[in-house]
């Protein structure tokens, strides 16, 4: 290879790296429950029966009027456009691909609630890695390191995901609480005292978490303790 060719190759490599850099560094985007439930349909059906599916609905006028009055809110007011409320009552508000207050009803259907990605993280990148891992297992009989999906944005820190809304009040025992605070606190009503260890283990109708179903083991490496616990007793898909 001549010196000129080597220089060209070097410059071309740099150009490719620069062009690809921003794309590789892009934050994952929220895609909505409709995308998640294409594969996780049973989890989606179970989630439809949880209290989280009604989270945006609860911001509408006269809905949960008694609770709002008790918390010092105006029960006749429409809070569905309030940024301070939407960050917890929708998925991905203010973030790439997330819920926006001007979405159509059809668009909002997949993000206008506490959905899959509120707990598991924005899915645009780790969803692709799940597909890649499944193909790798089928074609090469190799499992993918779990660290791959963590790097792609999948969240396994469910405790922080819950605390971000349920423990974000003034005087909270959670050290990361910050404004805007929720007005629904244990001081207003004891039912707002949040116990993660209990809440995360209560699933299905009327709970905050969907039922758990056996998943195909396409990943290898240390498994988060809660995931291992849930999979141990998970239901077999029908």
Foldseek 3Di string as FASTA:
>chain_A
DDPVVVVVVVVVVVVVCVVCVVVVVDAFAADFPVVVCVPVVQLVVQQCQEPQLCLLVCQAAQRVQVLQVLLVHHNRDRCNQPPQRQVQAWPQPPHHNADHSPDDPVSCNGTRTCDDCLQFNRDRFLVVVVVVLVVCCVPVVAAAAPVRSVVNTTDPPRVVSVCQALQQAPPGPDPPRDPPGDSNDCVSPVVSDDDCVVLVPDGGHHGNGGAFEADDRSHDDDDPPVVVVRNVPGHYDD
